[in-house]
Amino acid sequence: MSNPATESLRVLSFWRDLEVFNIPTAPSKRDATEQTKITTLRRGARLPWQRADFAPTETHGYVHVVYLGVADMEDLSRLLLKALF
């Protein structure tokens, strides 16, 4: 017979493992809209909030989201499967 604390730990462990392997996909240029601009930063490039075209105005402000360590999910999956099998 299993103990409730052990079962709870097993469920939490499962959810943790699921989150580790469920890496969110960063948006790409094709996800851009009139209100959402997607840019890929390269070494030495100015950050978007340092550029004049993203300067806040009286009517508009900007929210910037930065994705670090972005990699292609297919490449990550392939590497993981290669390591496991």
PDB file of N, CA and C in Angstrom:
ATOM      1  N   MET A   1       0.844  -1.175   0.000  1.00  0.00           N
ATOM      2  CA  MET A   1       0.000   0.000   0.000  1.00  0.00           C
ATOM      3  C   MET A   1       0.897   1.249   0.000  1.00  0.00           C
ATOM      4  N   SER A   2       0.573   2.193  -0.878  1.00  0.00           N
ATOM      5  CA  SER A   2       1.407   3.397  -0.964  1.00  0.00           C
ATOM      6  C   SER A   2       0.960   4.450   0.027  1.00  0.00           C
ATOM      7  N   ASN A   3       1.913   5.246   0.406  1.00  0.00           N
ATOM      8  CA  ASN A   3       1.621   6.296   1.370  1.00  0.00           C
ATOM      9  C   ASN A   3       1.307   7.594   0.609  1.00  0.00           C
ATOM     10  N   PRO A   4       0.351   8.396   1.086  1.00  0.00           N
ATOM     11  CA  PRO A   4      -0.060   9.616   0.379  1.00  0.00           C
ATOM     12  C   PRO A   4       1.096  10.597   0.133  1.00  0.00           C
ATOM     13  N   ALA A   5       2.029  10.683   1.065  1.00  0.00           N
ATOM     14  CA  ALA A   5       3.162  11.599   0.891  1.00  0.00           C
ATOM     15  C   ALA A   5       4.034  11.142  -0.277  1.00  0.00           C
ATOM     16  N   THR A   6       4.263   9.832  -0.383  1.00  0.00           N
ATOM     17  CA  THR A   6       5.061   9.284  -1.474  1.00  0.00           C
ATOM     18  C   THR A   6       4.371   9.527  -2.814  1.00  0.00           C
ATOM     19  N   GLU A   7       3.066   9.318  -2.858  1.00  0.00           N
ATOM     20  CA  GLU A   7       2.308   9.546  -4.086  1.00  0.00           C
ATOM     21  C   GLU A   7       2.385  11.015  -4.502  1.00  0.00           C
ATOM     22  N   SER A   8       2.275  11.917  -3.543  1.00  0.00           N
ATOM     23  CA  SER A   8       2.366  13.356  -3.844  1.00  0.00           C
ATOM     24  C   SER A   8       3.739  13.702  -4.401  1.00  0.00           C
ATOM     25  N   LEU A   9       4.786  13.136  -3.825  1.00  0.00           N
ATOM     26  CA  LEU A   9       6.146  13.385  -4.319  1.00  0.00           C
ATOM     27  C   LEU A   9       6.330  12.843  -5.732  1.00  0.00           C
ATOM     28  N   ARG A  10       5.724  11.706  -6.016  1.00  0.00           N
ATOM     29  CA  ARG A  10       5.814  11.133  -7.364  1.00  0.00           C
ATOM     30  C   ARG A  10       5.122  12.036  -8.385  1.00  0.00           C
ATOM     31  N   VAL A  11       3.960  12.573  -8.018  1.00  0.00           N
ATOM     32  CA  VAL A  11       3.239  13.477  -8.920  1.00  0.00           C
ATOM     33  C   VAL A  11       4.049  14.749  -9.150  1.00  0.00           C
ATOM     34  N   LEU A  12       4.588  15.332  -8.074  1.00  0.00           N
ATOM     35  CA  LEU A  12       5.405  16.537  -8.211  1.00  0.00           C
ATOM     36  C   LEU A  12       6.650  16.280  -9.049  1.00  0.00           C
ATOM     37  N   SER A  13       7.268  15.134  -8.872  1.00  0.00           N
ATOM     38  CA  SER A  13       8.447  14.769  -9.647  1.00  0.00           C
ATOM     39  C   SER A  13       8.094  14.650 -11.132  1.00  0.00           C
ATOM     40  N   PHE A  14       6.944  14.041 -11.411  1.00  0.00           N
ATOM     41  CA  PHE A  14       6.484  13.916 -12.801  1.00  0.00           C
ATOM     42  C   PHE A  14       6.293  15.295 -13.431  1.00  0.00           C
ATOM     43  N   TRP A  15       5.618  16.203 -12.726  1.00  0.00           N
ATOM     44  CA  TRP A  15       5.368  17.540 -13.270  1.00  0.00           C
ATOM     45  C   TRP A  15       6.669  18.314 -13.476  1.00  0.00           C
ATOM     46  N   ARG A  16       7.616  18.141 -12.567  1.00  0.00           N
ATOM     47  CA  ARG A  16       8.914  18.804 -12.732  1.00  0.00           C
ATOM     48  C   ARG A  16       9.602  18.297 -13.993  1.00  0.00           C
ATOM     49  N   ASP A  17       9.634  16.979 -14.172  1.00  0.00           N
ATOM     50  CA  ASP A  17      10.250  16.397 -15.362  1.00  0.00           C
ATOM     51  C   ASP A  17       9.553  16.878 -16.633  1.00  0.00           C
ATOM     52  N   LEU A  18       8.250  16.966 -16.596  1.00  0.00           N
ATOM     53  CA  LEU A  18       7.493  17.429 -17.750  1.00  0.00           C
ATOM     54  C   LEU A  18       7.867  18.868 -18.102  1.00  0.00           C
ATOM     55  N   GLU A  19       7.989  19.728 -17.097  1.00  0.00           N
ATOM     56  CA  GLU A  19       8.363  21.121 -17.336  1.00  0.00           C
ATOM     57  C   GLU A  19       9.788  21.245 -17.869  1.00  0.00           C
ATOM     58  N   VAL A  20      10.683  20.418 -17.381  1.00  0.00           N
ATOM     59  CA  VAL A  20      12.069  20.465 -17.844  1.00  0.00           C
ATOM     60  C   VAL A  20      12.146  20.147 -19.330  1.00  0.00           C
ATOM     61  N   PHE A  21      11.366  19.177 -19.795  1.00  0.00           N
ATOM     62  CA  PHE A  21      11.430  18.769 -21.191  1.00  0.00           C
ATOM     63  C   PHE A  21      10.422  19.483 -22.082  1.00  0.00           C
ATOM     64  N   ASN A  22       9.622  20.360 -21.525  1.00  0.00           N
ATOM     65  CA  ASN A  22       8.653  21.118 -22.308  1.00  0.00           C
ATOM     66  C   ASN A  22       9.157  22.558 -22.444  1.00  0.00           C
ATOM     67  N   ILE A  23      10.201  22.726 -23.228  1.00  0.00           N
ATOM     68  CA  ILE A  23      10.833  24.028 -23.397  1.00  0.00           C
ATOM     69  C   ILE A  23       9.935  24.884 -24.286  1.00  0.00           C
ATOM     70  N   PRO A  24       9.556  26.078 -23.824  1.00  0.00           N
ATOM     71  CA  PRO A  24       8.682  26.917 -24.652  1.00  0.00           C
ATOM     72  C   PRO A  24       9.407  27.393 -25.908  1.00  0.00           C
ATOM     73  N   THR A  25       8.647  27.543 -26.969  1.00  0.00           N
ATOM     74  CA  THR A  25       9.194  27.999 -28.231  1.00  0.00           C
ATOM     75  C   THR A  25       9.177  29.518 -28.274  1.00  0.00           C
ATOM     76  N   ALA A  26      10.301  30.100 -28.593  1.00  0.00           N
ATOM     77  CA  ALA A  26      10.372  31.555 -28.747  1.00  0.00           C
ATOM     78  C   ALA A  26       9.704  31.933 -30.069  1.00  0.00           C
ATOM     79  N   PRO A  27       9.090  33.100 -30.123  1.00  0.00           N
ATOM     80  CA  PRO A  27       8.452  33.517 -31.382  1.00  0.00           C
ATOM     81  C   PRO A  27       9.496  33.761 -32.472  1.00  0.00           C
ATOM     82  N   SER A  28       9.082  33.614 -33.706  1.00  0.00           N
ATOM     83  CA  SER A  28       9.971  33.877 -34.839  1.00  0.00           C
ATOM     84  C   SER A  28       9.434  35.077 -35.613  1.00  0.00           C
ATOM     85  N   LYS A  29      10.160  35.498 -36.628  1.00  0.00           N
ATOM     86  CA  LYS A  29       9.741  36.659 -37.427  1.00  0.00           C
ATOM     87  C   LYS A  29       8.347  36.474 -38.014  1.00  0.00           C
ATOM     88  N   ARG A  30       7.971  35.244 -38.332  1.00  0.00           N
ATOM     89  CA  ARG A  30       6.639  35.016 -38.920  1.00  0.00           C
ATOM     90  C   ARG A  30       5.520  35.251 -37.909  1.00  0.00           C
ATOM     91  N   ASP A  31       5.851  35.315 -36.607  1.00  0.00           N
ATOM     92  CA  ASP A  31       4.857  35.603 -35.570  1.00  0.00           C
ATOM     93  C   ASP A  31       4.647  37.105 -35.368  1.00  0.00           C
ATOM     94  N   ALA A  32       5.423  37.919 -36.068  1.00  0.00           N
ATOM     95  CA  ALA A  32       5.329  39.370 -35.914  1.00  0.00           C
ATOM     96  C   ALA A  32       3.990  39.881 -36.447  1.00  0.00           C
ATOM     97  N   THR A  33       3.486  40.916 -35.798  1.00  0.00           N
ATOM     98  CA  THR A  33       2.266  41.592 -36.239  1.00  0.00           C
ATOM     99  C   THR A  33       2.545  43.087 -36.246  1.00  0.00           C
ATOM    100  N   GLU A  34       1.521  43.871 -36.558  1.00  0.00           N
ATOM    101  CA  GLU A  34       1.694  45.317 -36.533  1.00  0.00           C
ATOM    102  C   GLU A  34       2.037  45.802 -35.125  1.00  0.00           C
ATOM    103  N   GLN A  35       1.510  45.118 -34.114  1.00  0.00           N
ATOM    104  CA  GLN A  35       1.765  45.504 -32.728  1.00  0.00           C
ATOM    105  C   GLN A  35       2.937  44.772 -32.090  1.00  0.00           C
ATOM    106  N   THR A  36       3.366  43.676 -32.679  1.00  0.00           N
ATOM    107  CA  THR A  36       4.439  42.866 -32.117  1.00  0.00           C
ATOM    108  C   THR A  36       5.603  42.790 -33.093  1.00  0.00           C
ATOM    109  N   LYS A  37       6.743  43.281 -32.687  1.00  0.00           N
ATOM    110  CA  LYS A  37       7.945  43.234 -33.518  1.00  0.00           C
ATOM    111  C   LYS A  37       8.874  42.163 -32.957  1.00  0.00           C
ATOM    112  N   ILE A  38       9.393  41.328 -33.824  1.00  0.00           N
ATOM    113  CA  ILE A  38      10.306  40.256 -33.425  1.00  0.00           C
ATOM    114  C   ILE A  38      11.666  40.552 -34.047  1.00  0.00           C
ATOM    115  N   THR A  39      12.699  40.621 -33.227  1.00  0.00           N
ATOM    116  CA  THR A  39      14.042  40.830 -33.743  1.00  0.00           C
ATOM    117  C   THR A  39      14.988  39.809 -33.129  1.00  0.00           C
ATOM    118  N   THR A  40      16.006  39.463 -33.883  1.00  0.00           N
ATOM    119  CA  THR A  40      17.054  38.576 -33.384  1.00  0.00           C
ATOM    120  C   THR A  40      18.277  39.438 -33.127  1.00  0.00           C
ATOM    121  N   LEU A  41      18.737  39.423 -31.907  1.00  0.00           N
ATOM    122  CA  LEU A  41      19.898  40.234 -31.553  1.00  0.00           C
ATOM    123  C   LEU A  41      21.185  39.492 -31.905  1.00  0.00           C
ATOM    124  N   ARG A  42      22.116  40.219 -32.432  1.00  0.00           N
ATOM    125  CA  ARG A  42      23.443  39.674 -32.730  1.00  0.00           C
ATOM    126  C   ARG A  42      24.460  40.408 -31.877  1.00  0.00           C
ATOM    127  N   ARG A  43      25.587  39.785 -31.660  1.00  0.00           N
ATOM    128  CA  ARG A  43      26.652  40.384 -30.853  1.00  0.00           C
ATOM    129  C   ARG A  43      26.985  41.781 -31.384  1.00  0.00           C
ATOM    130  N   GLY A  44      27.005  42.752 -30.476  1.00  0.00           N
ATOM    131  CA  GLY A  44      27.339  44.123 -30.829  1.00  0.00           C
ATOM    132  C   GLY A  44      26.161  44.963 -31.293  1.00  0.00           C
ATOM    133  N   ALA A  45      25.004  44.336 -31.533  1.00  0.00           N
ATOM    134  CA  ALA A  45      23.823  45.093 -31.976  1.00  0.00           C
ATOM    135  C   ALA A  45      23.237  45.880 -30.809  1.00  0.00           C
ATOM    136  N   ARG A  46      22.624  47.012 -31.124  1.00  0.00           N
ATOM    137  CA  ARG A  46      21.967  47.810 -30.087  1.00  0.00           C
ATOM    138  C   ARG A  46      20.705  47.091 -29.629  1.00  0.00           C
ATOM    139  N   LEU A  47      20.439  47.166 -28.360  1.00  0.00           N
ATOM    140  CA  LEU A  47      19.218  46.577 -27.817  1.00  0.00           C
ATOM    141  C   LEU A  47      18.021  47.405 -28.277  1.00  0.00           C
ATOM    142  N   PRO A  48      16.862  46.776 -28.478  1.00  0.00           N
ATOM    143  CA  PRO A  48      15.702  47.516 -29.000  1.00  0.00           C
ATOM    144  C   PRO A  48      15.353  48.758 -28.177  1.00  0.00           C
ATOM    145  N   TRP A  49      15.453  48.689 -26.869  1.00  0.00           N
ATOM    146  CA  TRP A  49      15.082  49.840 -26.044  1.00  0.00           C
ATOM    147  C   TRP A  49      16.108  50.959 -26.101  1.00  0.00           C
ATOM    148  N   GLN A  50      17.227  50.719 -26.785  1.00  0.00           N
ATOM    149  CA  GLN A  50      18.235  51.756 -26.987  1.00  0.00           C
ATOM    150  C   GLN A  50      18.057  52.464 -28.340  1.00  0.00           C
ATOM    151  N   ARG A  51      17.146  51.967 -29.160  1.00  0.00           N
ATOM    152  CA  ARG A  51      16.942  52.520 -30.501  1.00  0.00           C
ATOM    153  C   ARG A  51      15.852  53.585 -30.490  1.00  0.00           C
ATOM    154  N   ALA A  52      16.017  54.591 -31.343  1.00  0.00           N
ATOM    155  CA  ALA A  52      15.072  55.711 -31.410  1.00  0.00           C
ATOM    156  C   ALA A  52      13.678  55.265 -31.845  1.00  0.00           C
ATOM    157  N   ASP A  53      13.583  54.249 -32.728  1.00  0.00           N
ATOM    158  CA  ASP A  53      12.256  53.828 -33.201  1.00  0.00           C
ATOM    159  C   ASP A  53      11.436  53.126 -32.121  1.00  0.00           C
ATOM    160  N   PHE A  54      12.039  52.815 -30.990  1.00  0.00           N
ATOM    161  CA  PHE A  54      11.300  52.233 -29.875  1.00  0.00           C
ATOM    162  C   PHE A  54      11.229  53.176 -28.677  1.00  0.00           C
ATOM    163  N   ALA A  55      11.507  54.437 -28.898  1.00  0.00           N
ATOM    164  CA  ALA A  55      11.413  55.416 -27.808  1.00  0.00           C
ATOM    165  C   ALA A  55       9.935  55.630 -27.466  1.00  0.00           C
ATOM    166  N   PRO A  56       9.584  55.649 -26.186  1.00  0.00           N
ATOM    167  CA  PRO A  56       8.179  55.876 -25.807  1.00  0.00           C
ATOM    168  C   PRO A  56       7.698  57.249 -26.281  1.00  0.00           C
ATOM    169  N   THR A  57       6.431  57.311 -26.602  1.00  0.00           N
ATOM    170  CA  THR A  57       5.815  58.578 -26.992  1.00  0.00           C
ATOM    171  C   THR A  57       4.723  58.904 -25.973  1.00  0.00           C
ATOM    172  N   GLU A  58       4.014  59.993 -26.207  1.00  0.00           N
ATOM    173  CA  GLU A  58       2.918  60.345 -25.286  1.00  0.00           C
ATOM    174  C   GLU A  58       1.787  59.326 -25.342  1.00  0.00           C
ATOM    175  N   THR A  59       1.633  58.652 -26.474  1.00  0.00           N
ATOM    176  CA  THR A  59       0.519  57.708 -26.637  1.00  0.00           C
ATOM    177  C   THR A  59       0.942  56.243 -26.636  1.00  0.00           C
ATOM    178  N   HIS A  60       2.232  55.968 -26.817  1.00  0.00           N
ATOM    179  CA  HIS A  60       2.687  54.573 -26.916  1.00  0.00           C
ATOM    180  C   HIS A  60       3.892  54.310 -26.021  1.00  0.00           C
ATOM    181  N   GLY A  61       3.892  53.136 -25.457  1.00  0.00           N
ATOM    182  CA  GLY A  61       5.043  52.641 -24.711  1.00  0.00           C
ATOM    183  C   GLY A  61       5.367  51.266 -25.256  1.00  0.00           C
ATOM    184  N   TYR A  62       6.450  50.695 -24.828  1.00  0.00           N
ATOM    185  CA  TYR A  62       6.862  49.393 -25.331  1.00  0.00           C
ATOM    186  C   TYR A  62       7.185  48.453 -24.173  1.00  0.00           C
ATOM    187  N   VAL A  63       6.867  47.186 -24.380  1.00  0.00           N
ATOM    188  CA  VAL A  63       7.244  46.129 -23.452  1.00  0.00           C
ATOM    189  C   VAL A  63       8.197  45.231 -24.227  1.00  0.00           C
ATOM    190  N   HIS A  64       9.371  44.992 -23.676  1.00  0.00           N
ATOM    191  CA  HIS A  64      10.367  44.165 -24.348  1.00  0.00           C
ATOM    192  C   HIS A  64      10.490  42.828 -23.613  1.00  0.00           C
ATOM    193  N   VAL A  65      10.511  41.750 -24.378  1.00  0.00           N
ATOM    194  CA  VAL A  65      10.693  40.405 -23.837  1.00  0.00           C
ATOM    195  C   VAL A  65      11.963  39.849 -24.465  1.00  0.00           C
ATOM    196  N   VAL A  66      12.867  39.347 -23.627  1.00  0.00           N
ATOM    197  CA  VAL A  66      14.133  38.812 -24.119  1.00  0.00           C
ATOM    198  C   VAL A  66      14.159  37.306 -23.847  1.00  0.00           C
ATOM    199  N   TYR A  67      14.423  36.519 -24.883  1.00  0.00           N
ATOM    200  CA  TYR A  67      14.560  35.072 -24.761  1.00  0.00           C
ATOM    201  C   TYR A  67      16.047  34.758 -24.827  1.00  0.00           C
ATOM    202  N   LEU A  68      16.556  34.121 -23.799  1.00  0.00           N
ATOM    203  CA  LEU A  68      17.980  33.755 -23.762  1.00  0.00           C
ATOM    204  C   LEU A  68      18.135  32.274 -24.061  1.00  0.00           C
ATOM    205  N   GLY A  69      19.209  31.933 -24.710  1.00  0.00           N
ATOM    206  CA  GLY A  69      19.502  30.523 -24.966  1.00  0.00           C
ATOM    207  C   GLY A  69      18.496  29.864 -25.885  1.00  0.00           C
ATOM    208  N   VAL A  70      18.001  30.586 -26.867  1.00  0.00           N
ATOM    209  CA  VAL A  70      16.992  30.041 -27.777  1.00  0.00           C
ATOM    210  C   VAL A  70      17.647  29.030 -28.712  1.00  0.00           C
ATOM    211  N   ALA A  71      17.024  27.876 -28.823  1.00  0.00           N
ATOM    212  CA  ALA A  71      17.516  26.833 -29.729  1.00  0.00           C
ATOM    213  C   ALA A  71      16.318  26.199 -30.420  1.00  0.00           C
ATOM    214  N   ASP A  72      16.545  25.608 -31.556  1.00  0.00           N
ATOM    215  CA  ASP A  72      15.494  24.958 -32.313  1.00  0.00           C
ATOM    216  C   ASP A  72      15.036  23.684 -31.585  1.00  0.00           C
ATOM    217  N   MET A  73      13.727  23.545 -31.389  1.00  0.00           N
ATOM    218  CA  MET A  73      13.198  22.389 -30.655  1.00  0.00           C
ATOM    219  C   MET A  73      13.530  21.066 -31.345  1.00  0.00           C
ATOM    220  N   GLU A  74      13.512  21.038 -32.674  1.00  0.00           N
ATOM    221  CA  GLU A  74      13.851  19.797 -33.382  1.00  0.00           C
ATOM    222  C   GLU A  74      15.289  19.399 -33.097  1.00  0.00           C
ATOM    223  N   ASP A  75      16.196  20.374 -33.098  1.00  0.00           N
ATOM    224  CA  ASP A  75      17.598  20.086 -32.800  1.00  0.00           C
ATOM    225  C   ASP A  75      17.759  19.564 -31.377  1.00  0.00           C
ATOM    226  N   LEU A  76      17.069  20.198 -30.425  1.00  0.00           N
ATOM    227  CA  LEU A  76      17.151  19.746 -29.033  1.00  0.00           C
ATOM    228  C   LEU A  76      16.592  18.335 -28.883  1.00  0.00           C
ATOM    229  N   SER A  77      15.456  18.076 -29.517  1.00  0.00           N
ATOM    230  CA  SER A  77      14.855  16.738 -29.440  1.00  0.00           C
ATOM    231  C   SER A  77      15.787  15.684 -30.037  1.00  0.00           C
ATOM    232  N   ARG A  78      16.370  16.014 -31.199  1.00  0.00           N
ATOM    233  CA  ARG A  78      17.291  15.081 -31.860  1.00  0.00           C
ATOM    234  C   ARG A  78      18.499  14.778 -30.959  1.00  0.00           C
ATOM    235  N   LEU A  79      19.068  15.808 -30.345  1.00  0.00           N
ATOM    236  CA  LEU A  79      20.209  15.620 -29.453  1.00  0.00           C
ATOM    237  C   LEU A  79      19.842  14.753 -28.255  1.00  0.00           C
ATOM    238  N   LEU A  80      18.661  14.999 -27.693  1.00  0.00           N
ATOM    239  CA  LEU A  80      18.205  14.237 -26.535  1.00  0.00           C
ATOM    240  C   LEU A  80      17.997  12.778 -26.902  1.00  0.00           C
ATOM    241  N   LEU A  81      17.331  12.526 -28.022  1.00  0.00           N
ATOM    242  CA  LEU A  81      17.090  11.137 -28.445  1.00  0.00           C
ATOM    243  C   LEU A  81      18.406  10.423 -28.768  1.00  0.00           C
ATOM    244  N   LYS A  82      19.336  11.143 -29.375  1.00  0.00           N
ATOM    245  CA  LYS A  82      20.639  10.552 -29.689  1.00  0.00           C
ATOM    246  C   LYS A  82      21.377  10.167 -28.417  1.00  0.00           C
ATOM    247  N   ALA A  83      21.280  11.010 -27.387  1.00  0.00           N
ATOM    248  CA  ALA A  83      21.956  10.732 -26.120  1.00  0.00           C
ATOM    249  C   ALA A  83      21.309   9.555 -25.384  1.00  0.00           C
ATOM    250  N   LEU A  84      19.998   9.392 -25.532  1.00  0.00           N
ATOM    251  CA  LEU A  84      19.299   8.350 -24.779  1.00  0.00           C
ATOM    252  C   LEU A  84      19.321   6.998 -25.478  1.00  0.00           C
ATOM    253  N   PHE A  85      19.399   6.990 -26.794  1.00  0.00           N
ATOM    254  CA  PHE A  85      19.286   5.712 -27.525  1.00  0.00           C
ATOM    255  C   PHE A  85      20.491   5.410 -28.345  1.00  0.00           C
TER     256      PHE A  85
END
